[in-house]
Structures are given as C-alpha cells and as structure tokens.
C-alpha cells in the first residue's frame, strides 16, 4: 500500500531528526514549560535525562517505521 510507504518513511525521518536534535529539543521543551508554568514547575517536570528519553523514542520510531516499510515491500 502506498500509505504504508508514506507513514513508514515519515516515522523513520522523524525518528532520525529526534535523535539528531535531541539536546536542542529538550531545551526547547524546558523553555516552553518555564514560560507557561514558571521555573519551579519546569525543573520538576523535566527531572532525569530528557535527551536520553528523546533518543529512545526516536530509535523506537525508526524501528516501527522500518518494520512498516519492510512489510509494505514484502506485502
């Protein structure tokens, strides 16, 4: 199906972008939360290691998109 190719390609592309710009994306999220809710909330909401979490989600998106592309090619 053509939709499987499109969705799989988009998932892979977004996953690669998320892995490449994970630190700046985490900073952008922090600044947005700080702007709307204040600094104490932003510090509490982003505890831990957000860049690593973004990289894990990006890798998961690449795997899901790759599986979708392979099943589209095979089917």
N, C-alpha and C. Protein backbone atom coordinates (compact mmCIF):
# COMPACT_ATOMS: atom_id res chain seq x y z
N UNK A 1 0.83 -1.18 0.00
CA UNK A 1 0.00 0.00 0.00
C UNK A 1 0.88 1.25 0.00
N UNK A 2 0.43 2.25 -0.70
CA UNK A 2 1.19 3.49 -0.76
C UNK A 2 1.18 4.22 0.58
N UNK A 3 0.11 4.09 1.34
CA UNK A 3 0.05 4.77 2.64
C UNK A 3 1.07 4.18 3.61
N UNK A 4 1.35 2.87 3.52
CA UNK A 4 2.36 2.27 4.38
C UNK A 4 3.74 2.84 4.10
N UNK A 5 4.06 3.06 2.83
CA UNK A 5 5.34 3.66 2.47
C UNK A 5 5.45 5.08 3.03
N UNK A 6 4.39 5.83 2.92
CA UNK A 6 4.42 7.22 3.38
C UNK A 6 4.55 7.28 4.90
N UNK A 7 3.73 6.52 5.61
CA UNK A 7 3.77 6.53 7.07
C UNK A 7 5.10 5.99 7.58
N UNK A 8 5.58 4.91 6.99
CA UNK A 8 6.87 4.35 7.40
C UNK A 8 8.01 5.32 7.15
N UNK A 9 8.01 5.98 6.00
CA UNK A 9 9.05 6.96 5.71
C UNK A 9 9.02 8.14 6.66
N UNK A 10 7.82 8.61 6.98
CA UNK A 10 7.69 9.73 7.91
C UNK A 10 8.17 9.33 9.30
N UNK A 11 7.83 8.13 9.75
CA UNK A 11 8.29 7.67 11.06
C UNK A 11 9.80 7.59 11.13
N UNK A 12 10.41 7.05 10.08
CA UNK A 12 11.87 6.94 10.06
C UNK A 12 12.50 8.33 10.05
N UNK A 13 11.97 9.24 9.23
CA UNK A 13 12.53 10.59 9.14
C UNK A 13 12.40 11.34 10.47
N UNK A 14 11.24 11.26 11.10
CA UNK A 14 11.04 11.95 12.38
C UNK A 14 11.92 11.33 13.46
N UNK A 15 12.08 10.02 13.44
CA UNK A 15 12.97 9.36 14.41
C UNK A 15 14.41 9.80 14.26
N UNK A 16 14.89 9.91 13.03
CA UNK A 16 16.26 10.37 12.79
C UNK A 16 16.42 11.81 13.24
N UNK A 17 15.46 12.65 12.93
CA UNK A 17 15.52 14.05 13.36
C UNK A 17 15.51 14.15 14.88
N UNK A 18 14.69 13.35 15.54
CA UNK A 18 14.63 13.38 17.01
C UNK A 18 15.96 12.98 17.63
N UNK A 19 16.63 12.00 17.03
CA UNK A 19 17.93 11.58 17.57
C UNK A 19 18.99 12.65 17.32
N UNK A 20 18.96 13.28 16.16
CA UNK A 20 19.98 14.27 15.83
C UNK A 20 19.85 15.56 16.63
N UNK A 21 18.66 15.99 16.94
CA UNK A 21 18.47 17.28 17.62
C UNK A 21 17.87 17.11 19.02
N UNK A 22 18.19 16.02 19.69
CA UNK A 22 17.56 15.72 20.98
C UNK A 22 17.91 16.74 22.06
N UNK A 23 19.13 17.25 22.08
CA UNK A 23 19.50 18.21 23.14
C UNK A 23 18.80 19.55 22.94
N UNK A 24 18.76 20.04 21.73
CA UNK A 24 18.08 21.31 21.49
C UNK A 24 16.57 21.17 21.67
N UNK A 25 16.02 20.00 21.34
CA UNK A 25 14.60 19.75 21.55
C UNK A 25 14.27 19.73 23.04
N UNK A 26 15.14 19.13 23.84
CA UNK A 26 14.92 19.11 25.29
C UNK A 26 14.98 20.53 25.86
N UNK A 27 15.91 21.34 25.36
CA UNK A 27 15.99 22.73 25.80
C UNK A 27 14.74 23.51 25.41
N UNK A 28 14.23 23.25 24.21
CA UNK A 28 13.01 23.92 23.75
C UNK A 28 11.82 23.55 24.62
N UNK A 29 11.69 22.29 24.98
CA UNK A 29 10.61 21.86 25.86
C UNK A 29 10.74 22.54 27.22
N UNK A 30 11.96 22.58 27.75
CA UNK A 30 12.18 23.22 29.06
C UNK A 30 11.80 24.69 29.02
N UNK A 31 12.21 25.40 27.98
CA UNK A 31 11.90 26.82 27.88
C UNK A 31 10.39 27.06 27.75
N UNK A 32 9.71 26.20 27.00
CA UNK A 32 8.26 26.35 26.87
C UNK A 32 7.54 26.12 28.18
N UNK A 33 7.94 25.09 28.91
CA UNK A 33 7.32 24.82 30.20
C UNK A 33 7.63 25.95 31.18
N UNK A 34 8.86 26.44 31.14
CA UNK A 34 9.24 27.54 32.03
C UNK A 34 8.45 28.80 31.71
N UNK A 35 8.21 29.04 30.42
CA UNK A 35 7.47 30.23 30.01
C UNK A 35 6.02 30.18 30.50
N UNK A 36 5.38 29.02 30.36
CA UNK A 36 3.96 28.92 30.70
C UNK A 36 3.70 28.63 32.18
N UNK A 37 4.57 27.86 32.83
CA UNK A 37 4.28 27.43 34.20
C UNK A 37 5.25 27.96 35.24
N UNK A 38 6.38 28.50 34.84
CA UNK A 38 7.37 29.01 35.79
C UNK A 38 8.51 28.03 35.99
N UNK A 39 9.58 28.55 36.55
CA UNK A 39 10.80 27.75 36.66
C UNK A 39 10.69 26.57 37.62
N UNK A 40 10.03 26.69 38.78
CA UNK A 40 9.94 25.51 39.65
C UNK A 40 9.20 24.34 38.99
N UNK A 41 8.16 24.63 38.25
CA UNK A 41 7.42 23.55 37.57
C UNK A 41 8.28 22.92 36.49
N UNK A 42 9.00 23.75 35.76
CA UNK A 42 9.84 23.23 34.68
C UNK A 42 10.93 22.32 35.23
N UNK A 43 11.52 22.72 36.34
CA UNK A 43 12.56 21.88 36.95
C UNK A 43 11.98 20.55 37.44
N UNK A 44 10.77 20.59 37.99
CA UNK A 44 10.15 19.36 38.48
C UNK A 44 9.67 18.45 37.35
N UNK A 45 9.18 19.04 36.26
CA UNK A 45 8.62 18.23 35.17
C UNK A 45 9.70 17.55 34.34
N UNK A 46 10.87 18.13 34.27
CA UNK A 46 11.93 17.57 33.42
C UNK A 46 13.06 16.99 34.25
N UNK A 47 12.71 16.29 35.28
CA UNK A 47 13.70 15.62 36.10
C UNK A 47 14.27 14.43 35.34
N UNK A 48 15.49 14.09 35.60
CA UNK A 48 16.08 12.93 34.94
C UNK A 48 16.89 13.34 33.73
N UNK A 49 16.80 12.54 32.67
CA UNK A 49 17.62 12.76 31.48
C UNK A 49 16.74 12.82 30.24
N UNK A 50 16.14 13.96 29.96
CA UNK A 50 15.24 14.08 28.80
C UNK A 50 15.91 13.79 27.45
N UNK A 51 17.18 14.19 27.20
CA UNK A 51 17.77 13.87 25.90
C UNK A 51 17.86 12.37 25.63
N UNK A 52 18.11 11.60 26.69
CA UNK A 52 18.18 10.15 26.52
C UNK A 52 16.80 9.59 26.20
N UNK A 53 15.78 10.12 26.86
CA UNK A 53 14.41 9.66 26.58
C UNK A 53 14.00 10.00 25.15
N UNK A 54 14.38 11.18 24.68
CA UNK A 54 14.06 11.57 23.31
C UNK A 54 14.77 10.66 22.32
N UNK A 55 16.02 10.29 22.62
CA UNK A 55 16.76 9.38 21.74
C UNK A 55 16.12 7.99 21.71
N UNK A 56 15.64 7.53 22.83
CA UNK A 56 14.98 6.21 22.89
C UNK A 56 13.69 6.24 22.08
N UNK A 57 12.91 7.31 22.22
CA UNK A 57 11.68 7.42 21.43
C UNK A 57 12.00 7.52 19.95
N UNK A 58 13.06 8.25 19.59
CA UNK A 58 13.47 8.33 18.18
C UNK A 58 13.88 6.98 17.63
N UNK A 59 14.62 6.21 18.41
CA UNK A 59 15.01 4.87 17.97
C UNK A 59 13.79 3.97 17.81
N UNK A 60 12.85 4.08 18.72
CA UNK A 60 11.62 3.29 18.62
C UNK A 60 10.84 3.66 17.35
N UNK A 61 10.80 4.95 17.04
CA UNK A 61 10.10 5.39 15.83
C UNK A 61 10.80 4.86 14.57
N UNK A 62 12.13 4.83 14.58
CA UNK A 62 12.87 4.30 13.44
C UNK A 62 12.58 2.81 13.26
N UNK A 63 12.55 2.08 14.35
CA UNK A 63 12.27 0.64 14.27
C UNK A 63 10.85 0.40 13.76
N UNK A 64 9.88 1.12 14.29
CA UNK A 64 8.49 0.94 13.85
C UNK A 64 8.34 1.32 12.37
N UNK A 65 8.96 2.42 11.98
CA UNK A 65 8.89 2.83 10.58
C UNK A 65 9.58 1.84 9.66
N UNK A 66 10.71 1.29 10.12
CA UNK A 66 11.40 0.28 9.32
C UNK A 66 10.59 -0.99 9.15
N UNK A 67 9.95 -1.42 10.23
CA UNK A 67 9.08 -2.61 10.14
C UNK A 67 7.92 -2.34 9.18
N UNK A 68 7.35 -1.15 9.25
CA UNK A 68 6.25 -0.81 8.36
C UNK A 68 6.70 -0.79 6.91
N UNK A 69 7.89 -0.24 6.65
CA UNK A 69 8.42 -0.22 5.28
C UNK A 69 8.71 -1.63 4.77
N UNK A 70 9.28 -2.47 5.61
CA UNK A 70 9.58 -3.85 5.19
C UNK A 70 8.30 -4.61 4.89
N UNK A 71 7.30 -4.48 5.74
CA UNK A 71 6.05 -5.19 5.47
C UNK A 71 5.36 -4.65 4.22
N UNK A 72 5.54 -3.35 3.93
CA UNK A 72 4.96 -2.79 2.71
C UNK A 72 5.67 -3.33 1.48
N UNK A 73 7.00 -3.49 1.57
CA UNK A 73 7.75 -4.04 0.44
C UNK A 73 7.42 -5.51 0.21
N UNK A 74 7.32 -6.27 1.30
CA UNK A 74 7.06 -7.71 1.18
C UNK A 74 5.63 -7.98 0.74
N UNK A 75 4.70 -7.22 1.30
CA UNK A 75 3.28 -7.47 1.02
C UNK A 75 2.91 -6.80 -0.23
